[in-house]
């Protein structure tokens, strides 16, 4: 599955909607995460300034989510030491694809659920 979903290290967003860059973090859903932070063309360059801004928003949102995940690591999930932010994104996207009924919830909470499902503590 990791190979089927190509995600660049900068989380290139190719199909962004205009309102997504202005979304409040508390309104950003798992559906938005899949739609805006994944691409089947991870090496594509942004077409314009708006798309660059949207890529930056996505990367910033994911960075904050990853920071939060690592801050609570060991309390609710046990993420392996060499796990990358991209690994966490792959796990989240895979989880959301298996649980489409969860896509409407806050993207960060979906990420926490996905990480807990993939790397539960013994």
C-alpha atoms as a PDB file:
ATOM      1  CA  UNK A   1       0.000   0.000   0.000  1.00  0.00           C
ATOM      2  CA  UNK A   2       2.884   2.374   0.725  1.00  0.00           C
ATOM      3  CA  UNK A   3       4.049   2.030  -2.861  1.00  0.00           C
ATOM      4  CA  UNK A   4       0.567   2.658  -4.279  1.00  0.00           C
ATOM      5  CA  UNK A   5       0.272   5.993  -2.517  1.00  0.00           C
ATOM      6  CA  UNK A   6       3.132   8.268  -3.379  1.00  0.00           C
ATOM      7  CA  UNK A   7       3.631  11.139  -0.974  1.00  0.00           C
ATOM      8  CA  UNK A   8       6.565  13.483  -1.312  1.00  0.00           C
ATOM      9  CA  UNK A   9       8.631  14.501   1.666  1.00  0.00           C
ATOM     10  CA  UNK A  10       7.124  17.959   1.321  1.00  0.00           C
ATOM     11  CA  UNK A  11       3.565  16.603   1.111  1.00  0.00           C
ATOM     12  CA  UNK A  12       2.888  18.045  -2.324  1.00  0.00           C
ATOM     13  CA  UNK A  13      -0.769  18.896  -2.823  1.00  0.00           C
ATOM     14  CA  UNK A  14      -1.878  18.917  -6.423  1.00  0.00           C
ATOM     15  CA  UNK A  15      -5.660  19.099  -6.147  1.00  0.00           C
ATOM     16  CA  UNK A  16      -6.335  21.799  -3.585  1.00  0.00           C
ATOM     17  CA  UNK A  17      -9.620  23.645  -3.293  1.00  0.00           C
ATOM     18  CA  UNK A  18      -9.426  27.414  -2.768  1.00  0.00           C
ATOM     19  CA  UNK A  19     -11.064  27.418   0.659  1.00  0.00           C
ATOM     20  CA  UNK A  20      -8.818  24.722   2.153  1.00  0.00           C
ATOM     21  CA  UNK A  21      -5.824  26.989   2.631  1.00  0.00           C
ATOM     22  CA  UNK A  22      -7.961  29.304   4.716  1.00  0.00           C
ATOM     23  CA  UNK A  23      -9.562  26.541   6.790  1.00  0.00           C
ATOM     24  CA  UNK A  24      -9.172  26.695  10.542  1.00  0.00           C
ATOM     25  CA  UNK A  25      -7.181  23.804  11.930  1.00  0.00           C
ATOM     26  CA  UNK A  26     -10.166  22.656  13.992  1.00  0.00           C
ATOM     27  CA  UNK A  27     -12.216  22.351  10.827  1.00  0.00           C
ATOM     28  CA  UNK A  28      -9.751  20.307   8.787  1.00  0.00           C
ATOM     29  CA  UNK A  29     -10.985  16.740   8.338  1.00  0.00           C
ATOM     30  CA  UNK A  30      -9.489  13.409   7.417  1.00  0.00           C
ATOM     31  CA  UNK A  31     -11.122  13.816   4.048  1.00  0.00           C
ATOM     32  CA  UNK A  32      -9.225  17.104   3.604  1.00  0.00           C
ATOM     33  CA  UNK A  33      -6.002  15.372   4.608  1.00  0.00           C
ATOM     34  CA  UNK A  34      -6.402  12.729   1.907  1.00  0.00           C
ATOM     35  CA  UNK A  35      -7.566  15.206  -0.682  1.00  0.00           C
ATOM     36  CA  UNK A  36      -4.932  17.872  -0.111  1.00  0.00           C
ATOM     37  CA  UNK A  37      -1.879  16.159   1.373  1.00  0.00           C
ATOM     38  CA  UNK A  38      -1.500  13.195  -0.921  1.00  0.00           C
ATOM     39  CA  UNK A  39      -0.740  12.948  -4.594  1.00  0.00           C
ATOM     40  CA  UNK A  40      -0.047  10.365  -7.228  1.00  0.00           C
ATOM     41  CA  UNK A  41       2.500  12.872  -8.624  1.00  0.00           C
ATOM     42  CA  UNK A  42       4.690  13.712  -5.610  1.00  0.00           C
ATOM     43  CA  UNK A  43       7.385  15.443  -7.663  1.00  0.00           C
ATOM     44  CA  UNK A  44       4.996  17.837  -9.394  1.00  0.00           C
ATOM     45  CA  UNK A  45       5.804  21.511  -8.917  1.00  0.00           C
ATOM     46  CA  UNK A  46       3.196  23.936  -7.687  1.00  0.00           C
ATOM     47  CA  UNK A  47       1.449  25.651 -10.570  1.00  0.00           C
ATOM     48  CA  UNK A  48       1.112  29.047  -8.885  1.00  0.00           C
ATOM     49  CA  UNK A  49       1.455  30.975  -5.633  1.00  0.00           C
ATOM     50  CA  UNK A  50      -1.939  29.793  -4.348  1.00  0.00           C
ATOM     51  CA  UNK A  51      -0.926  26.179  -4.762  1.00  0.00           C
ATOM     52  CA  UNK A  52       2.403  26.878  -3.029  1.00  0.00           C
ATOM     53  CA  UNK A  53       0.481  28.385  -0.111  1.00  0.00           C
ATOM     54  CA  UNK A  54      -1.769  25.343   0.079  1.00  0.00           C
ATOM     55  CA  UNK A  55       1.231  22.994   0.096  1.00  0.00           C
ATOM     56  CA  UNK A  56       2.713  25.032   2.932  1.00  0.00           C
ATOM     57  CA  UNK A  57      -0.559  24.839   4.880  1.00  0.00           C
ATOM     58  CA  UNK A  58      -0.688  21.081   4.455  1.00  0.00           C
ATOM     59  CA  UNK A  59       2.934  20.626   5.505  1.00  0.00           C
ATOM     60  CA  UNK A  60       2.433  22.874   8.529  1.00  0.00           C
ATOM     61  CA  UNK A  61      -0.720  21.068   9.608  1.00  0.00           C
ATOM     62  CA  UNK A  62       0.987  17.704   9.298  1.00  0.00           C
ATOM     63  CA  UNK A  63       4.092  18.925  11.156  1.00  0.00           C
ATOM     64  CA  UNK A  64       1.912  20.037  14.073  1.00  0.00           C
ATOM     65  CA  UNK A  65       0.058  16.717  14.024  1.00  0.00           C
ATOM     66  CA  UNK A  66       3.297  14.710  13.990  1.00  0.00           C
ATOM     67  CA  UNK A  67       4.715  16.813  16.827  1.00  0.00           C
ATOM     68  CA  UNK A  68       1.597  16.087  18.878  1.00  0.00           C
ATOM     69  CA  UNK A  69       1.800  12.380  18.115  1.00  0.00           C
ATOM     70  CA  UNK A  70       5.422  12.208  19.278  1.00  0.00           C
ATOM     71  CA  UNK A  71       4.643  14.298  22.342  1.00  0.00           C
ATOM     72  CA  UNK A  72       2.180  11.626  23.519  1.00  0.00           C
ATOM     73  CA  UNK A  73       4.108   8.620  22.212  1.00  0.00           C
ATOM     74  CA  UNK A  74       4.333   5.822  24.752  1.00  0.00           C
ATOM     75  CA  UNK A  75       1.105   6.824  26.500  1.00  0.00           C
ATOM     76  CA  UNK A  76      -1.369   5.570  23.901  1.00  0.00           C
ATOM     77  CA  UNK A  77       0.819   4.313  21.026  1.00  0.00           C
ATOM     78  CA  UNK A  78       4.376   3.055  20.675  1.00  0.00           C
ATOM     79  CA  UNK A  79       5.802   4.419  17.448  1.00  0.00           C
ATOM     80  CA  UNK A  80       9.060   2.716  16.377  1.00  0.00           C
ATOM     81  CA  UNK A  81      12.118   4.998  16.735  1.00  0.00           C
ATOM     82  CA  UNK A  82      12.940   5.387  13.035  1.00  0.00           C
ATOM     83  CA  UNK A  83       9.371   6.115  11.935  1.00  0.00           C
ATOM     84  CA  UNK A  84       9.179   9.180   9.699  1.00  0.00           C
ATOM     85  CA  UNK A  85       6.396  11.757   9.289  1.00  0.00           C
ATOM     86  CA  UNK A  86       5.719  10.194   5.888  1.00  0.00           C
ATOM     87  CA  UNK A  87       5.280   6.784   7.574  1.00  0.00           C
ATOM     88  CA  UNK A  88       2.711   8.354   9.900  1.00  0.00           C
ATOM     89  CA  UNK A  89       0.921   9.887   6.936  1.00  0.00           C
ATOM     90  CA  UNK A  90       0.871   6.547   5.088  1.00  0.00           C
ATOM     91  CA  UNK A  91      -0.552   4.871   8.201  1.00  0.00           C
ATOM     92  CA  UNK A  92      -3.206   7.575   8.529  1.00  0.00           C
ATOM     93  CA  UNK A  93      -4.246   7.419   4.885  1.00  0.00           C
ATOM     94  CA  UNK A  94      -4.395   3.616   4.969  1.00  0.00           C
ATOM     95  CA  UNK A  95      -6.511   3.760   8.137  1.00  0.00           C
ATOM     96  CA  UNK A  96      -8.858   6.342   6.624  1.00  0.00           C
ATOM     97  CA  UNK A  97      -9.302   4.200   3.522  1.00  0.00           C
ATOM     98  CA  UNK A  98     -10.241   1.239   5.748  1.00  0.00           C
ATOM     99  CA  UNK A  99     -12.514   3.475   7.874  1.00  0.00           C
ATOM    100  CA  UNK A 100     -14.196   5.864   5.424  1.00  0.00           C
ATOM    101  CA  UNK A 101     -16.867   6.658   8.022  1.00  0.00           C
ATOM    102  CA  UNK A 102     -14.156   8.480  10.033  1.00  0.00           C
ATOM    103  CA  UNK A 103     -13.117  10.919   7.292  1.00  0.00           C
ATOM    104  CA  UNK A 104     -15.458  13.647   8.482  1.00  0.00           C
ATOM    105  CA  UNK A 105     -13.673  13.984  11.827  1.00  0.00           C
ATOM    106  CA  UNK A 106     -10.735  16.228  12.674  1.00  0.00           C
ATOM    107  CA  UNK A 107      -7.698  15.107  10.657  1.00  0.00           C
ATOM    108  CA  UNK A 108      -5.390  15.178  13.678  1.00  0.00           C
ATOM    109  CA  UNK A 109      -7.733  12.925  15.675  1.00  0.00           C
ATOM    110  CA  UNK A 110      -7.886  10.543  12.708  1.00  0.00           C
ATOM    111  CA  UNK A 111      -4.078  10.482  12.697  1.00  0.00           C
ATOM    112  CA  UNK A 112      -4.002   9.672  16.422  1.00  0.00           C
ATOM    113  CA  UNK A 113      -6.488   6.825  15.888  1.00  0.00           C
ATOM    114  CA  UNK A 114      -4.499   5.497  12.929  1.00  0.00           C
ATOM    115  CA  UNK A 115      -1.184   5.571  14.794  1.00  0.00           C
ATOM    116  CA  UNK A 116      -2.732   3.863  17.809  1.00  0.00           C
ATOM    117  CA  UNK A 117      -4.186   1.160  15.545  1.00  0.00           C
ATOM    118  CA  UNK A 118      -0.879   0.561  13.765  1.00  0.00           C
ATOM    119  CA  UNK A 119       1.488   0.827  16.739  1.00  0.00           C
ATOM    120  CA  UNK A 120      -0.378   0.017  19.970  1.00  0.00           C
ATOM    121  CA  UNK A 121       1.681  -0.285  23.112  1.00  0.00           C
ATOM    122  CA  UNK A 122       2.031  -3.815  24.477  1.00  0.00           C
END
